[in-house]
Amino acid sequence: MNYQEKFFNLFTICEKSGKLVKGFDVSKEAVTGRKASCIFVASDVSEKTMKEVNYMCRDFPELPVIKLPFDMDAIKESIGRKAGVMAVCDKGFAARLSEYAMAACQTE
């Protein structure tokens, strides 16, 4: 199983467990409420959205913001909803998903 498959398998489990927040506004609430452990951004979000995500996280330097090597359509296939910005609200899921996303970036 390659890292992309591992990422999406765990991503689906994370979503089903209720630890994945989908969408910019609710991700912002998770960040400001200090619930988010990691922010994922789809590869095809606009520059404006990426700038807003970085601005949103400026007061939280310990919070990783990871641009995924996957687009919104691939994310939709996995979790059933098109989303460009997502927050993971569990440290374990965030660590493993980040690891898989970085590995998937290196193999592409």
PDB file of N, CA and C in Angstrom:
ATOM      1  N   MET A   1       0.844  -1.168   0.000  1.00  0.00           N
ATOM      2  CA  MET A   1       0.000   0.000   0.000  1.00  0.00           C
ATOM      3  C   MET A   1       0.899   1.244   0.000  1.00  0.00           C
ATOM      4  N   ASN A   2       0.635   2.157  -0.926  1.00  0.00           N
ATOM      5  CA  ASN A   2       1.456   3.366  -0.986  1.00  0.00           C
ATOM      6  C   ASN A   2       0.959   4.405   0.019  1.00  0.00           C
ATOM      7  N   TYR A   3       1.728   5.495   0.159  1.00  0.00           N
ATOM      8  CA  TYR A   3       1.406   6.504   1.168  1.00  0.00           C
ATOM      9  C   TYR A   3       0.115   7.251   0.882  1.00  0.00           C
ATOM     10  N   GLN A   4      -0.226   7.416  -0.383  1.00  0.00           N
ATOM     11  CA  GLN A   4      -1.491   8.072  -0.711  1.00  0.00           C
ATOM     12  C   GLN A   4      -2.662   7.232  -0.214  1.00  0.00           C
ATOM     13  N   GLU A   5      -2.606   5.927  -0.440  1.00  0.00           N
ATOM     14  CA  GLU A   5      -3.667   5.038   0.035  1.00  0.00           C
ATOM     15  C   GLU A   5      -3.729   5.031   1.560  1.00  0.00           C
ATOM     16  N   LYS A   6      -2.560   4.984   2.205  1.00  0.00           N
ATOM     17  CA  LYS A   6      -2.516   5.009   3.666  1.00  0.00           C
ATOM     18  C   LYS A   6      -3.116   6.313   4.191  1.00  0.00           C
ATOM     19  N   PHE A   7      -2.768   7.427   3.539  1.00  0.00           N
ATOM     20  CA  PHE A   7      -3.298   8.723   3.961  1.00  0.00           C
ATOM     21  C   PHE A   7      -4.819   8.719   3.882  1.00  0.00           C
ATOM     22  N   PHE A   8      -5.372   8.342   2.738  1.00  0.00           N
ATOM     23  CA  PHE A   8      -6.819   8.418   2.569  1.00  0.00           C
ATOM     24  C   PHE A   8      -7.563   7.399   3.436  1.00  0.00           C
ATOM     25  N   ASN A   9      -6.976   6.237   3.698  1.00  0.00           N
ATOM     26  CA  ASN A   9      -7.611   5.280   4.615  1.00  0.00           C
ATOM     27  C   ASN A   9      -7.721   5.877   6.016  1.00  0.00           C
ATOM     28  N   LEU A  10      -6.623   6.450   6.513  1.00  0.00           N
ATOM     29  CA  LEU A  10      -6.631   7.047   7.846  1.00  0.00           C
ATOM     30  C   LEU A  10      -7.470   8.325   7.873  1.00  0.00           C
ATOM     31  N   PHE A  11      -7.450   9.077   6.786  1.00  0.00           N
ATOM     32  CA  PHE A  11      -8.238  10.305   6.662  1.00  0.00           C
ATOM     33  C   PHE A  11      -9.728   9.987   6.804  1.00  0.00           C
ATOM     34  N   THR A  12     -10.160   8.912   6.182  1.00  0.00           N
ATOM     35  CA  THR A  12     -11.554   8.484   6.263  1.00  0.00           C
ATOM     36  C   THR A  12     -11.903   8.071   7.691  1.00  0.00           C
ATOM     37  N   ILE A  13     -11.009   7.354   8.339  1.00  0.00           N
ATOM     38  CA  ILE A  13     -11.237   6.950   9.731  1.00  0.00           C
ATOM     39  C   ILE A  13     -11.323   8.188  10.628  1.00  0.00           C
ATOM     40  N   CYS A  14     -10.437   9.138  10.401  1.00  0.00           N
ATOM     41  CA  CYS A  14     -10.437  10.393  11.163  1.00  0.00           C
ATOM     42  C   CYS A  14     -11.763  11.121  10.988  1.00  0.00           C
ATOM     43  N   GLU A  15     -12.253  11.181   9.776  1.00  0.00           N
ATOM     44  CA  GLU A  15     -13.520  11.858   9.491  1.00  0.00           C
ATOM     45  C   GLU A  15     -14.680  11.140  10.168  1.00  0.00           C
ATOM     46  N   LYS A  16     -14.697   9.821  10.093  1.00  0.00           N
ATOM     47  CA  LYS A  16     -15.788   9.047  10.692  1.00  0.00           C
ATOM     48  C   LYS A  16     -15.773   9.111  12.217  1.00  0.00           C
ATOM     49  N   SER A  17     -14.588   9.336  12.793  1.00  0.00           N
ATOM     50  CA  SER A  17     -14.493   9.437  14.253  1.00  0.00           C
ATOM     51  C   SER A  17     -14.875  10.826  14.760  1.00  0.00           C
ATOM     52  N   GLY A  18     -15.132  11.752  13.832  1.00  0.00           N
ATOM     53  CA  GLY A  18     -15.533  13.094  14.223  1.00  0.00           C
ATOM     54  C   GLY A  18     -14.385  14.013  14.577  1.00  0.00           C
ATOM     55  N   LYS A  19     -13.172  13.633  14.230  1.00  0.00           N
ATOM     56  CA  LYS A  19     -11.990  14.434  14.560  1.00  0.00           C
ATOM     57  C   LYS A  19     -11.508  15.289  13.396  1.00  0.00           C
ATOM     58  N   LEU A  20     -12.256  15.293  12.292  1.00  0.00           N
ATOM     59  CA  LEU A  20     -11.895  16.089  11.128  1.00  0.00           C
ATOM     60  C   LEU A  20     -12.941  17.177  10.925  1.00  0.00           C
ATOM     61  N   VAL A  21     -12.495  18.425  10.887  1.00  0.00           N
ATOM     62  CA  VAL A  21     -13.367  19.567  10.667  1.00  0.00           C
ATOM     63  C   VAL A  21     -13.142  20.030   9.238  1.00  0.00           C
ATOM     64  N   LYS A  22     -14.221  20.161   8.462  1.00  0.00           N
ATOM     65  CA  LYS A  22     -14.103  20.455   7.039  1.00  0.00           C
ATOM     66  C   LYS A  22     -14.661  21.829   6.714  1.00  0.00           C
ATOM     67  N   GLY A  23     -13.835  22.656   6.074  1.00  0.00           N
ATOM     68  CA  GLY A  23     -14.259  23.989   5.682  1.00  0.00           C
ATOM     69  C   GLY A  23     -13.462  25.056   6.407  1.00  0.00           C
ATOM     70  N   PHE A  24     -13.331  26.218   5.763  1.00  0.00           N
ATOM     71  CA  PHE A  24     -12.498  27.286   6.318  1.00  0.00           C
ATOM     72  C   PHE A  24     -13.049  27.831   7.631  1.00  0.00           C
ATOM     73  N   ASP A  25     -14.322  28.171   7.665  1.00  0.00           N
ATOM     74  CA  ASP A  25     -14.891  28.823   8.848  1.00  0.00           C
ATOM     75  C   ASP A  25     -14.853  27.928  10.085  1.00  0.00           C
ATOM     76  N   VAL A  26     -15.226  26.674   9.936  1.00  0.00           N
ATOM     77  CA  VAL A  26     -15.201  25.781  11.099  1.00  0.00           C
ATOM     78  C   VAL A  26     -13.769  25.417  11.491  1.00  0.00           C
ATOM     79  N   SER A  27     -12.868  25.391  10.518  1.00  0.00           N
ATOM     80  CA  SER A  27     -11.453  25.173  10.839  1.00  0.00           C
ATOM     81  C   SER A  27     -10.908  26.354  11.632  1.00  0.00           C
ATOM     82  N   LYS A  28     -11.341  27.546  11.263  1.00  0.00           N
ATOM     83  CA  LYS A  28     -10.920  28.753  11.991  1.00  0.00           C
ATOM     84  C   LYS A  28     -11.395  28.688  13.442  1.00  0.00           C
ATOM     85  N   GLU A  29     -12.628  28.237  13.638  1.00  0.00           N
ATOM     86  CA  GLU A  29     -13.151  28.076  14.999  1.00  0.00           C
ATOM     87  C   GLU A  29     -12.335  27.058  15.789  1.00  0.00           C
ATOM     88  N   ALA A  30     -11.929  25.967  15.135  1.00  0.00           N
ATOM     89  CA  ALA A  30     -11.116  24.951  15.804  1.00  0.00           C
ATOM     90  C   ALA A  30      -9.740  25.504  16.176  1.00  0.00           C
ATOM     91  N   VAL A  31      -9.184  26.347  15.310  1.00  0.00           N
ATOM     92  CA  VAL A  31      -7.876  26.947  15.581  1.00  0.00           C
ATOM     93  C   VAL A  31      -7.980  27.927  16.746  1.00  0.00           C
ATOM     94  N   THR A  32      -8.922  28.847  16.674  1.00  0.00           N
ATOM     95  CA  THR A  32      -9.039  29.862  17.726  1.00  0.00           C
ATOM     96  C   THR A  32      -9.491  29.253  19.052  1.00  0.00           C
ATOM     97  N   GLY A  33     -10.219  28.146  19.001  1.00  0.00           N
ATOM     98  CA  GLY A  33     -10.627  27.438  20.207  1.00  0.00           C
ATOM     99  C   GLY A  33      -9.574  26.476  20.711  1.00  0.00           C
ATOM    100  N   ARG A  34      -8.424  26.469  20.051  1.00  0.00           N
ATOM    101  CA  ARG A  34      -7.282  25.614  20.403  1.00  0.00           C
ATOM    102  C   ARG A  34      -7.627  24.125  20.390  1.00  0.00           C
ATOM    103  N   LYS A  35      -8.517  23.729  19.518  1.00  0.00           N
ATOM    104  CA  LYS A  35      -8.876  22.321  19.371  1.00  0.00           C
ATOM    105  C   LYS A  35      -8.101  21.660  18.244  1.00  0.00           C
ATOM    106  N   ALA A  36      -7.659  22.446  17.265  1.00  0.00           N
ATOM    107  CA  ALA A  36      -6.975  21.901  16.086  1.00  0.00           C
ATOM    108  C   ALA A  36      -5.549  21.478  16.428  1.00  0.00           C
ATOM    109  N   SER A  37      -5.154  20.324  15.899  1.00  0.00           N
ATOM    110  CA  SER A  37      -3.782  19.835  16.059  1.00  0.00           C
ATOM    111  C   SER A  37      -2.986  20.027  14.783  1.00  0.00           C
ATOM    112  N   CYS A  38      -3.691  20.203  13.669  1.00  0.00           N
ATOM    113  CA  CYS A  38      -3.045  20.339  12.367  1.00  0.00           C
ATOM    114  C   CYS A  38      -4.068  20.897  11.374  1.00  0.00           C
ATOM    115  N   ILE A  39      -3.587  21.672  10.412  1.00  0.00           N
ATOM    116  CA  ILE A  39      -4.442  22.192   9.343  1.00  0.00           C
ATOM    117  C   ILE A  39      -3.938  21.610   8.022  1.00  0.00           C
ATOM    118  N   PHE A  40      -4.850  21.029   7.266  1.00  0.00           N
ATOM    119  CA  PHE A  40      -4.530  20.527   5.938  1.00  0.00           C
ATOM    120  C   PHE A  40      -5.204  21.418   4.905  1.00  0.00           C
ATOM    121  N   VAL A  41      -4.472  21.701   3.827  1.00  0.00           N
ATOM    122  CA  VAL A  41      -4.984  22.533   2.747  1.00  0.00           C
ATOM    123  C   VAL A  41      -4.814  21.751   1.445  1.00  0.00           C
ATOM    124  N   ALA A  42      -5.881  21.660   0.661  1.00  0.00           N
ATOM    125  CA  ALA A  42      -5.830  20.945  -0.628  1.00  0.00           C
ATOM    126  C   ALA A  42      -4.889  21.674  -1.590  1.00  0.00           C
ATOM    127  N   SER A  43      -4.347  20.933  -2.525  1.00  0.00           N
ATOM    128  CA  SER A  43      -3.355  21.491  -3.459  1.00  0.00           C
ATOM    129  C   SER A  43      -3.937  22.531  -4.402  1.00  0.00           C
ATOM    130  N   ASP A  44      -5.247  22.501  -4.613  1.00  0.00           N
ATOM    131  CA  ASP A  44      -5.837  23.408  -5.590  1.00  0.00           C
ATOM    132  C   ASP A  44      -6.632  24.564  -4.971  1.00  0.00           C
ATOM    133  N   VAL A  45      -6.334  24.916  -3.709  1.00  0.00           N
ATOM    134  CA  VAL A  45      -6.983  26.103  -3.142  1.00  0.00           C
ATOM    135  C   VAL A  45      -6.341  27.344  -3.752  1.00  0.00           C
ATOM    136  N   SER A  46      -7.079  28.432  -3.735  1.00  0.00           N
ATOM    137  CA  SER A  46      -6.569  29.670  -4.311  1.00  0.00           C
ATOM    138  C   SER A  46      -5.471  30.266  -3.430  1.00  0.00           C
ATOM    139  N   GLU A  47      -4.690  31.157  -4.027  1.00  0.00           N
ATOM    140  CA  GLU A  47      -3.648  31.856  -3.270  1.00  0.00           C
ATOM    141  C   GLU A  47      -4.277  32.666  -2.145  1.00  0.00           C
ATOM    142  N   LYS A  48      -5.438  33.238  -2.408  1.00  0.00           N
ATOM    143  CA  LYS A  48      -6.131  34.035  -1.395  1.00  0.00           C
ATOM    144  C   LYS A  48      -6.503  33.172  -0.184  1.00  0.00           C
ATOM    145  N   THR A  49      -7.020  31.983  -0.442  1.00  0.00           N
ATOM    146  CA  THR A  49      -7.390  31.085   0.651  1.00  0.00           C
ATOM    147  C   THR A  49      -6.151  30.674   1.441  1.00  0.00           C
ATOM    148  N   MET A  50      -5.064  30.370   0.737  1.00  0.00           N
ATOM    149  CA  MET A  50      -3.828  29.983   1.420  1.00  0.00           C
ATOM    150  C   MET A  50      -3.323  31.126   2.295  1.00  0.00           C
ATOM    151  N   LYS A  51      -3.431  32.342   1.778  1.00  0.00           N
ATOM    152  CA  LYS A  51      -3.013  33.518   2.546  1.00  0.00           C
ATOM    153  C   LYS A  51      -3.883  33.675   3.796  1.00  0.00           C
ATOM    154  N   GLU A  52      -5.190  33.449   3.657  1.00  0.00           N
ATOM    155  CA  GLU A  52      -6.103  33.544   4.793  1.00  0.00           C
ATOM    156  C   GLU A  52      -5.817  32.462   5.839  1.00  0.00           C
ATOM    157  N   VAL A  53      -5.465  31.270   5.388  1.00  0.00           N
ATOM    158  CA  VAL A  53      -5.119  30.184   6.321  1.00  0.00           C
ATOM    159  C   VAL A  53      -3.867  30.568   7.113  1.00  0.00           C
ATOM    160  N   ASN A  54      -2.856  31.055   6.424  1.00  0.00           N
ATOM    161  CA  ASN A  54      -1.633  31.469   7.111  1.00  0.00           C
ATOM    162  C   ASN A  54      -1.901  32.606   8.093  1.00  0.00           C
ATOM    163  N   TYR A  55      -2.758  33.525   7.709  1.00  0.00           N
ATOM    164  CA  TYR A  55      -3.125  34.635   8.600  1.00  0.00           C
ATOM    165  C   TYR A  55      -3.880  34.108   9.827  1.00  0.00           C
ATOM    166  N   MET A  56      -4.782  33.172   9.597  1.00  0.00           N
ATOM    167  CA  MET A  56      -5.568  32.580  10.671  1.00  0.00           C
ATOM    168  C   MET A  56      -4.667  31.888  11.700  1.00  0.00           C
ATOM    169  N   CYS A  57      -3.585  31.303  11.239  1.00  0.00           N
ATOM    170  CA  CYS A  57      -2.706  30.527  12.114  1.00  0.00           C
ATOM    171  C   CYS A  57      -1.506  31.326  12.629  1.00  0.00           C
ATOM    172  N   ARG A  58      -1.443  32.611  12.336  1.00  0.00           N
ATOM    173  CA  ARG A  58      -0.276  33.417  12.685  1.00  0.00           C
ATOM    174  C   ARG A  58       0.004  33.457  14.181  1.00  0.00           C
ATOM    175  N   ASP A  59      -1.031  33.397  15.007  1.00  0.00           N
ATOM    176  CA  ASP A  59      -0.863  33.451  16.459  1.00  0.00           C
ATOM    177  C   ASP A  59      -0.603  32.078  17.075  1.00  0.00           C
ATOM    178  N   PHE A  60      -0.535  31.054  16.239  1.00  0.00           N
ATOM    179  CA  PHE A  60      -0.343  29.688  16.708  1.00  0.00           C
ATOM    180  C   PHE A  60       0.823  29.038  15.956  1.00  0.00           C
ATOM    181  N   PRO A  61       2.061  29.473  16.230  1.00  0.00           N
ATOM    182  CA  PRO A  61       3.210  28.972  15.464  1.00  0.00           C
ATOM    183  C   PRO A  61       3.456  27.468  15.640  1.00  0.00           C
ATOM    184  N   GLU A  62       2.923  26.889  16.708  1.00  0.00           N
ATOM    185  CA  GLU A  62       3.101  25.448  16.933  1.00  0.00           C
ATOM    186  C   GLU A  62       2.144  24.604  16.092  1.00  0.00           C
ATOM    187  N   LEU A  63       1.173  25.251  15.455  1.00  0.00           N
ATOM    188  CA  LEU A  63       0.163  24.550  14.667  1.00  0.00           C
ATOM    189  C   LEU A  63       0.655  24.360  13.232  1.00  0.00           C
ATOM    190  N   PRO A  64       0.906  23.110  12.833  1.00  0.00           N
ATOM    191  CA  PRO A  64       1.379  22.897  11.460  1.00  0.00           C
ATOM    192  C   PRO A  64       0.284  23.129  10.417  1.00  0.00           C
ATOM    193  N   VAL A  65       0.663  23.797   9.346  1.00  0.00           N
ATOM    194  CA  VAL A  65      -0.208  23.987   8.185  1.00  0.00           C
ATOM    195  C   VAL A  65       0.441  23.225   7.040  1.00  0.00           C
ATOM    196  N   ILE A  66      -0.233  22.208   6.550  1.00  0.00           N
ATOM    197  CA  ILE A  66       0.347  21.325   5.538  1.00  0.00           C
ATOM    198  C   ILE A  66      -0.466  21.405   4.258  1.00  0.00           C
ATOM    199  N   LYS A  67       0.216  21.758   3.185  1.00  0.00           N
ATOM    200  CA  LYS A  67      -0.429  21.766   1.865  1.00  0.00           C
ATOM    201  C   LYS A  67      -0.317  20.350   1.311  1.00  0.00           C
ATOM    202  N   LEU A  68      -1.460  19.740   1.089  1.00  0.00           N
ATOM    203  CA  LEU A  68      -1.510  18.347   0.634  1.00  0.00           C
ATOM    204  C   LEU A  68      -1.173  18.217  -0.847  1.00  0.00           C
ATOM    205  N   PRO A  69      -0.656  17.068  -1.242  1.00  0.00           N
ATOM    206  CA  PRO A  69      -0.425  16.829  -2.668  1.00  0.00           C
ATOM    207  C   PRO A  69      -1.684  16.336  -3.379  1.00  0.00           C
ATOM    208  N   PHE A  70      -2.834  16.489  -2.739  1.00  0.00           N
ATOM    209  CA  PHE A  70      -4.108  16.013  -3.280  1.00  0.00           C
ATOM    210  C   PHE A  70      -5.048  17.196  -3.495  1.00  0.00           C
ATOM    211  N   ASP A  71      -5.856  17.118  -4.549  1.00  0.00           N
ATOM    212  CA  ASP A  71      -6.799  18.202  -4.813  1.00  0.00           C
ATOM    213  C   ASP A  71      -8.139  17.941  -4.117  1.00  0.00           C
ATOM    214  N   MET A  72      -9.028  18.911  -4.231  1.00  0.00           N
ATOM    215  CA  MET A  72     -10.327  18.816  -3.555  1.00  0.00           C
ATOM    216  C   MET A  72     -11.177  17.651  -4.067  1.00  0.00           C
ATOM    217  N   ASP A  73     -11.018  17.294  -5.324  1.00  0.00           N
ATOM    218  CA  ASP A  73     -11.788  16.165  -5.858  1.00  0.00           C
ATOM    219  C   ASP A  73     -11.354  14.849  -5.219  1.00  0.00           C
ATOM    220  N   ALA A  74     -10.054  14.676  -5.000  1.00  0.00           N
ATOM    221  CA  ALA A  74      -9.559  13.464  -4.338  1.00  0.00           C
ATOM    222  C   ALA A  74     -10.051  13.406  -2.895  1.00  0.00           C
ATOM    223  N   ILE A  75     -10.095  14.553  -2.250  1.00  0.00           N
ATOM    224  CA  ILE A  75     -10.599  14.617  -0.877  1.00  0.00           C
ATOM    225  C   ILE A  75     -12.089  14.275  -0.849  1.00  0.00           C
ATOM    226  N   LYS A  76     -12.819  14.778  -1.837  1.00  0.00           N
ATOM    227  CA  LYS A  76     -14.256  14.487  -1.916  1.00  0.00           C
ATOM    228  C   LYS A  76     -14.506  12.989  -2.086  1.00  0.00           C
ATOM    229  N   GLU A  77     -13.683  12.321  -2.884  1.00  0.00           N
ATOM    230  CA  GLU A  77     -13.821  10.876  -3.059  1.00  0.00           C
ATOM    231  C   GLU A  77     -13.621  10.136  -1.745  1.00  0.00           C
ATOM    232  N   SER A  78     -12.751  10.654  -0.909  1.00  0.00           N
ATOM    233  CA  SER A  78     -12.430   9.999   0.356  1.00  0.00           C
ATOM    234  C   SER A  78     -13.486  10.234   1.426  1.00  0.00           C
ATOM    235  N   ILE A  79     -13.896  11.489   1.618  1.00  0.00           N
ATOM    236  CA  ILE A  79     -14.778  11.806   2.744  1.00  0.00           C
ATOM    237  C   ILE A  79     -16.189  12.217   2.332  1.00  0.00           C
ATOM    238  N   GLY A  80     -16.433  12.289   1.033  1.00  0.00           N
ATOM    239  CA  GLY A  80     -17.782  12.574   0.556  1.00  0.00           C
ATOM    240  C   GLY A  80     -18.162  14.039   0.533  1.00  0.00           C
ATOM    241  N   ARG A  81     -17.224  14.927   0.821  1.00  0.00           N
ATOM    242  CA  ARG A  81     -17.511  16.364   0.798  1.00  0.00           C
ATOM    243  C   ARG A  81     -16.297  17.087   0.262  1.00  0.00           C
ATOM    244  N   LYS A  82     -16.536  17.996  -0.661  1.00  0.00           N
ATOM    245  CA  LYS A  82     -15.453  18.780  -1.231  1.00  0.00           C
ATOM    246  C   LYS A  82     -15.009  19.819  -0.203  1.00  0.00           C
ATOM    247  N   ALA A  83     -13.736  19.810   0.145  1.00  0.00           N
ATOM    248  CA  ALA A  83     -13.215  20.754   1.128  1.00  0.00           C
ATOM    249  C   ALA A  83     -11.782  21.110   0.770  1.00  0.00           C
ATOM    250  N   GLY A  84     -11.457  22.374   0.915  1.00  0.00           N
ATOM    251  CA  GLY A  84     -10.098  22.835   0.627  1.00  0.00           C
ATOM    252  C   GLY A  84      -9.276  23.041   1.877  1.00  0.00           C
ATOM    253  N   VAL A  85      -9.946  23.347   2.992  1.00  0.00           N
ATOM    254  CA  VAL A  85      -9.271  23.571   4.265  1.00  0.00           C
ATOM    255  C   VAL A  85      -9.918  22.663   5.301  1.00  0.00           C
ATOM    256  N   MET A  86      -9.074  21.924   6.025  1.00  0.00           N
ATOM    257  CA  MET A  86      -9.562  21.001   7.039  1.00  0.00           C
ATOM    258  C   MET A  86      -8.682  21.069   8.276  1.00  0.00           C
ATOM    259  N   ALA A  87      -9.285  20.895   9.434  1.00  0.00           N
ATOM    260  CA  ALA A  87      -8.540  20.857  10.688  1.00  0.00           C
ATOM    261  C   ALA A  87      -8.700  19.471  11.300  1.00  0.00           C
ATOM    262  N   VAL A  88      -7.592  18.904  11.752  1.00  0.00           N
ATOM    263  CA  VAL A  88      -7.620  17.636  12.466  1.00  0.00           C
ATOM    264  C   VAL A  88      -7.549  17.970  13.952  1.00  0.00           C
ATOM    265  N   CYS A  89      -8.503  17.476  14.715  1.00  0.00           N
ATOM    266  CA  CYS A  89      -8.609  17.812  16.134  1.00  0.00           C
ATOM    267  C   CYS A  89      -8.205  16.645  17.029  1.00  0.00           C
ATOM    268  N   ASP A  90      -7.144  15.959  16.659  1.00  0.00           N
ATOM    269  CA  ASP A  90      -6.607  14.851  17.446  1.00  0.00           C
ATOM    270  C   ASP A  90      -5.119  14.759  17.151  1.00  0.00           C
ATOM    271  N   LYS A  91      -4.287  14.764  18.184  1.00  0.00           N
ATOM    272  CA  LYS A  91      -2.832  14.773  17.986  1.00  0.00           C
ATOM    273  C   LYS A  91      -2.326  13.512  17.292  1.00  0.00           C
ATOM    274  N   GLY A  92      -2.893  12.365  17.643  1.00  0.00           N
ATOM    275  CA  GLY A  92      -2.459  11.107  17.030  1.00  0.00           C
ATOM    276  C   GLY A  92      -2.759  11.063  15.538  1.00  0.00           C
ATOM    277  N   PHE A  93      -3.995  11.386  15.183  1.00  0.00           N
ATOM    278  CA  PHE A  93      -4.363  11.440  13.764  1.00  0.00           C
ATOM    279  C   PHE A  93      -3.519  12.474  13.028  1.00  0.00           C
ATOM    280  N   ALA A  94      -3.333  13.640  13.641  1.00  0.00           N
ATOM    281  CA  ALA A  94      -2.579  14.720  12.994  1.00  0.00           C
ATOM    282  C   ALA A  94      -1.143  14.285  12.702  1.00  0.00           C
ATOM    283  N   ALA A  95      -0.510  13.633  13.658  1.00  0.00           N
ATOM    284  CA  ALA A  95       0.884  13.203  13.481  1.00  0.00           C
ATOM    285  C   ALA A  95       1.008  12.180  12.359  1.00  0.00           C
ATOM    286  N   ARG A  96       0.153  11.181  12.365  1.00  0.00           N
ATOM    287  CA  ARG A  96       0.252  10.118  11.361  1.00  0.00           C
ATOM    288  C   ARG A  96      -0.158  10.614   9.972  1.00  0.00           C
ATOM    289  N   LEU A  97      -1.214  11.410   9.894  1.00  0.00           N
ATOM    290  CA  LEU A  97      -1.640  11.957   8.605  1.00  0.00           C
ATOM    291  C   LEU A  97      -0.573  12.883   8.022  1.00  0.00           C
ATOM    292  N   SER A  98       0.062  13.677   8.866  1.00  0.00           N
ATOM    293  CA  SER A  98       1.142  14.554   8.406  1.00  0.00           C
ATOM    294  C   SER A  98       2.294  13.740   7.849  1.00  0.00           C
ATOM    295  N   GLU A  99       2.623  12.672   8.544  1.00  0.00           N
ATOM    296  CA  GLU A  99       3.701  11.777   8.101  1.00  0.00           C
ATOM    297  C   GLU A  99       3.384  11.184   6.728  1.00  0.00           C
ATOM    298  N   TYR A 100       2.160  10.686   6.554  1.00  0.00           N
ATOM    299  CA  TYR A 100       1.761  10.101   5.273  1.00  0.00           C
ATOM    300  C   TYR A 100       1.711  11.135   4.167  1.00  0.00           C
ATOM    301  N   ALA A 101       1.230  12.346   4.491  1.00  0.00           N
ATOM    302  CA  ALA A 101       1.154  13.409   3.476  1.00  0.00           C
ATOM    303  C   ALA A 101       2.546  13.813   3.011  1.00  0.00           C
ATOM    304  N   MET A 102       3.480  13.937   3.943  1.00  0.00           N
ATOM    305  CA  MET A 102       4.861  14.297   3.572  1.00  0.00           C
ATOM    306  C   MET A 102       5.498  13.187   2.730  1.00  0.00           C
ATOM    307  N   ALA A 103       5.261  11.945   3.103  1.00  0.00           N
ATOM    308  CA  ALA A 103       5.804  10.834   2.334  1.00  0.00           C
ATOM    309  C   ALA A 103       5.195  10.780   0.935  1.00  0.00           C
ATOM    310  N   ALA A 104       3.896  11.074   0.827  1.00  0.00           N
ATOM    311  CA  ALA A 104       3.231  11.076  -0.482  1.00  0.00           C
ATOM    312  C   ALA A 104       3.798  12.199  -1.353  1.00  0.00           C
ATOM    313  N   CYS A 105       4.141  13.338  -0.743  1.00  0.00           N
ATOM    314  CA  CYS A 105       4.747  14.453  -1.491  1.00  0.00           C
ATOM    315  C   CYS A 105       6.086  14.039  -2.081  1.00  0.00           C
ATOM    316  N   GLN A 106       6.851  13.288  -1.323  1.00  0.00           N
ATOM    317  CA  GLN A 106       8.199  12.897  -1.751  1.00  0.00           C
ATOM    318  C   GLN A 106       8.179  11.829  -2.840  1.00  0.00           C
ATOM    319  N   THR A 107       7.119  11.032  -2.886  1.00  0.00           N
ATOM    320  CA  THR A 107       7.061   9.953  -3.885  1.00  0.00           C
ATOM    321  C   THR A 107       6.463  10.416  -5.203  1.00  0.00           C
ATOM    322  N   GLU A 108       5.871  11.619  -5.228  1.00  0.00           N
ATOM    323  CA  GLU A 108       5.276  12.110  -6.480  1.00  0.00           C
ATOM    324  C   GLU A 108       6.316  12.714  -7.385  1.00  0.00           C
TER     325      GLU A 108
END
